[in-house]
């Protein structure tokens, strides 16, 4: 059988997702203001990290709500 995730795990996932989102937005902001040289791979990587962070954060938030209703 699979173990049910603990409540702290779901909040940890939400925090990891938030950190990934903030880091990707920071990289994109630095590219826009000209502090970091913009390139296709960096822009695509920042976008990918943003999408992954959003997915992980939403999954963690949904798990937290589900766990708190039990």
N, C-alpha and C. Protein backbone atom coordinates (compact mmCIF):
# COMPACT_ATOMS: atom_id res chain seq x y z
N UNK A 1 0.83 -1.19 0.00
CA UNK A 1 0.00 0.00 0.00
C UNK A 1 0.88 1.25 0.00
N UNK A 2 0.32 2.31 -0.51
CA UNK A 2 1.06 3.57 -0.52
C UNK A 2 0.74 4.36 0.73
N UNK A 3 1.74 5.11 1.18
CA UNK A 3 1.54 5.94 2.36
C UNK A 3 0.87 7.24 1.98
N UNK A 4 0.05 7.74 2.87
CA UNK A 4 -0.56 9.04 2.66
C UNK A 4 0.46 10.11 3.02
N UNK A 5 0.57 11.16 2.22
CA UNK A 5 1.53 12.22 2.55
C UNK A 5 1.12 12.96 3.81
N UNK A 6 2.13 13.34 4.57
CA UNK A 6 1.85 14.10 5.77
C UNK A 6 1.52 15.54 5.42
N UNK A 7 0.91 16.27 6.35
CA UNK A 7 0.49 17.64 6.09
C UNK A 7 1.68 18.55 5.80
N UNK A 8 2.80 18.33 6.46
CA UNK A 8 3.98 19.14 6.24
C UNK A 8 4.55 18.96 4.84
N UNK A 9 4.36 17.77 4.27
CA UNK A 9 4.85 17.52 2.92
C UNK A 9 4.11 18.37 1.90
N UNK A 10 2.81 18.52 2.07
CA UNK A 10 2.04 19.30 1.11
C UNK A 10 2.40 20.78 1.19
N UNK A 11 2.61 21.28 2.39
CA UNK A 11 3.05 22.67 2.52
C UNK A 11 4.45 22.85 1.96
N UNK A 12 5.30 21.86 2.13
CA UNK A 12 6.64 21.91 1.57
C UNK A 12 6.61 21.98 0.05
N UNK A 13 5.70 21.22 -0.56
CA UNK A 13 5.56 21.28 -2.02
C UNK A 13 5.10 22.66 -2.47
N UNK A 14 4.17 23.25 -1.74
CA UNK A 14 3.69 24.59 -2.08
C UNK A 14 4.82 25.61 -1.96
N UNK A 15 5.66 25.47 -0.95
CA UNK A 15 6.78 26.40 -0.78
C UNK A 15 7.81 26.21 -1.89
N UNK A 16 8.09 24.98 -2.25
CA UNK A 16 9.04 24.72 -3.35
C UNK A 16 8.52 25.33 -4.65
N UNK A 17 7.24 25.16 -4.91
CA UNK A 17 6.64 25.75 -6.10
C UNK A 17 6.74 27.27 -6.10
N UNK A 18 6.50 27.88 -4.95
CA UNK A 18 6.60 29.34 -4.83
C UNK A 18 8.03 29.81 -5.07
N UNK A 19 8.99 29.11 -4.51
CA UNK A 19 10.40 29.48 -4.70
C UNK A 19 10.79 29.38 -6.18
N UNK A 20 10.35 28.31 -6.85
CA UNK A 20 10.65 28.16 -8.28
C UNK A 20 10.03 29.30 -9.09
N UNK A 21 8.79 29.67 -8.76
CA UNK A 21 8.14 30.77 -9.47
C UNK A 21 8.89 32.07 -9.27
N UNK A 22 9.27 32.36 -8.03
CA UNK A 22 9.97 33.61 -7.75
C UNK A 22 11.32 33.65 -8.46
N UNK A 23 12.05 32.54 -8.44
CA UNK A 23 13.35 32.51 -9.13
C UNK A 23 13.21 32.72 -10.63
N UNK A 24 12.22 32.08 -11.23
CA UNK A 24 12.05 32.25 -12.67
C UNK A 24 11.62 33.67 -13.01
N UNK A 25 10.76 34.26 -12.21
CA UNK A 25 10.34 35.65 -12.45
C UNK A 25 11.51 36.60 -12.26
N UNK A 26 12.36 36.31 -11.30
CA UNK A 26 13.53 37.15 -11.07
C UNK A 26 14.49 37.08 -12.27
N UNK A 27 14.71 35.89 -12.80
CA UNK A 27 15.57 35.75 -13.98
C UNK A 27 14.97 36.50 -15.16
N UNK A 28 13.67 36.37 -15.36
CA UNK A 28 13.02 37.08 -16.46
C UNK A 28 13.09 38.59 -16.27
N UNK A 29 12.91 39.06 -15.06
CA UNK A 29 13.01 40.50 -14.78
C UNK A 29 14.42 41.00 -15.08
N UNK A 30 15.43 40.25 -14.65
CA UNK A 30 16.81 40.65 -14.92
C UNK A 30 17.11 40.66 -16.42
N UNK A 31 16.48 39.76 -17.15
CA UNK A 31 16.66 39.77 -18.60
C UNK A 31 16.00 41.01 -19.22
N UNK A 32 14.85 41.39 -18.72
CA UNK A 32 14.13 42.54 -19.27
C UNK A 32 14.86 43.85 -18.98
N UNK A 33 15.40 44.00 -17.78
CA UNK A 33 16.07 45.26 -17.46
C UNK A 33 17.51 45.28 -17.94
N UNK A 34 17.98 44.19 -18.52
CA UNK A 34 19.28 44.18 -19.16
C UNK A 34 20.45 43.79 -18.28
N UNK A 35 20.20 43.25 -17.10
CA UNK A 35 21.30 42.82 -16.22
C UNK A 35 21.85 41.45 -16.60
N UNK A 36 21.02 40.65 -17.27
CA UNK A 36 21.42 39.32 -17.73
C UNK A 36 21.20 39.27 -19.23
N UNK A 37 22.18 38.76 -19.95
CA UNK A 37 22.04 38.66 -21.41
C UNK A 37 20.93 37.67 -21.74
N UNK A 38 19.99 38.13 -22.53
CA UNK A 38 18.86 37.26 -22.86
C UNK A 38 19.24 36.33 -24.00
N UNK A 39 18.79 35.14 -23.89
CA UNK A 39 19.02 34.13 -24.92
C UNK A 39 17.86 33.18 -24.94
N UNK A 40 17.77 32.42 -26.01
CA UNK A 40 16.64 31.51 -26.15
C UNK A 40 16.62 30.47 -25.05
N UNK A 41 17.75 29.85 -24.77
CA UNK A 41 17.78 28.78 -23.76
C UNK A 41 17.46 29.30 -22.37
N UNK A 42 17.97 30.48 -22.04
CA UNK A 42 17.67 31.05 -20.72
C UNK A 42 16.21 31.42 -20.59
N UNK A 43 15.65 32.03 -21.62
CA UNK A 43 14.24 32.41 -21.59
C UNK A 43 13.35 31.17 -21.54
N UNK A 44 13.67 30.17 -22.35
CA UNK A 44 12.88 28.95 -22.36
C UNK A 44 13.02 28.20 -21.03
N UNK A 45 14.23 28.18 -20.48
CA UNK A 45 14.44 27.54 -19.18
C UNK A 45 13.68 28.23 -18.07
N UNK A 46 13.67 29.56 -18.07
CA UNK A 46 12.92 30.30 -17.05
C UNK A 46 11.43 30.04 -17.19
N UNK A 47 10.95 29.97 -18.42
CA UNK A 47 9.54 29.66 -18.64
C UNK A 47 9.21 28.25 -18.14
N UNK A 48 10.07 27.30 -18.44
CA UNK A 48 9.84 25.92 -18.01
C UNK A 48 9.85 25.81 -16.49
N UNK A 49 10.79 26.49 -15.83
CA UNK A 49 10.84 26.47 -14.37
C UNK A 49 9.58 27.11 -13.79
N UNK A 50 9.09 28.16 -14.44
CA UNK A 50 7.87 28.81 -13.99
C UNK A 50 6.67 27.87 -14.07
N UNK A 51 6.56 27.16 -15.17
CA UNK A 51 5.44 26.22 -15.34
C UNK A 51 5.54 25.07 -14.34
N UNK A 52 6.74 24.55 -14.15
CA UNK A 52 6.93 23.46 -13.19
C UNK A 52 6.63 23.95 -11.77
N UNK A 53 7.10 25.14 -11.43
CA UNK A 53 6.82 25.69 -10.11
C UNK A 53 5.35 25.90 -9.87
N UNK A 54 4.64 26.38 -10.90
CA UNK A 54 3.19 26.55 -10.77
C UNK A 54 2.51 25.21 -10.55
N UNK A 55 2.92 24.20 -11.30
CA UNK A 55 2.32 22.88 -11.13
C UNK A 55 2.58 22.27 -9.76
N UNK A 56 3.82 22.36 -9.30
CA UNK A 56 4.16 21.81 -7.98
C UNK A 56 3.43 22.58 -6.88
N UNK A 57 3.38 23.91 -7.00
CA UNK A 57 2.70 24.71 -6.00
C UNK A 57 1.21 24.42 -5.94
N UNK A 58 0.57 24.30 -7.09
CA UNK A 58 -0.85 23.98 -7.10
C UNK A 58 -1.12 22.59 -6.54
N UNK A 59 -0.27 21.63 -6.90
CA UNK A 59 -0.43 20.28 -6.36
C UNK A 59 -0.30 20.29 -4.84
N UNK A 60 0.70 21.01 -4.33
CA UNK A 60 0.87 21.09 -2.88
C UNK A 60 -0.29 21.78 -2.20
N UNK A 61 -0.82 22.84 -2.81
CA UNK A 61 -1.97 23.54 -2.22
C UNK A 61 -3.21 22.67 -2.20
N UNK A 62 -3.44 21.94 -3.29
CA UNK A 62 -4.61 21.05 -3.34
C UNK A 62 -4.47 19.93 -2.31
N UNK A 63 -3.27 19.37 -2.19
CA UNK A 63 -3.04 18.32 -1.18
C UNK A 63 -3.26 18.86 0.23
N UNK A 64 -2.82 20.08 0.47
CA UNK A 64 -2.99 20.68 1.81
C UNK A 64 -4.47 20.87 2.13
N UNK A 65 -5.24 21.37 1.18
CA UNK A 65 -6.68 21.54 1.41
C UNK A 65 -7.35 20.19 1.61
N UNK A 66 -6.95 19.22 0.81
CA UNK A 66 -7.53 17.88 0.95
C UNK A 66 -7.21 17.27 2.31
N UNK A 67 -5.96 17.43 2.76
CA UNK A 67 -5.57 16.89 4.06
C UNK A 67 -6.27 17.60 5.20
N UNK A 68 -6.47 18.91 5.08
CA UNK A 68 -7.07 19.66 6.18
C UNK A 68 -8.57 19.39 6.30
N UNK A 69 -9.21 18.90 5.25
CA UNK A 69 -10.63 18.58 5.32
C UNK A 69 -10.88 17.23 5.96
N UNK A 70 -9.85 16.43 6.12
CA UNK A 70 -10.03 15.10 6.72
C UNK A 70 -10.06 15.16 8.21
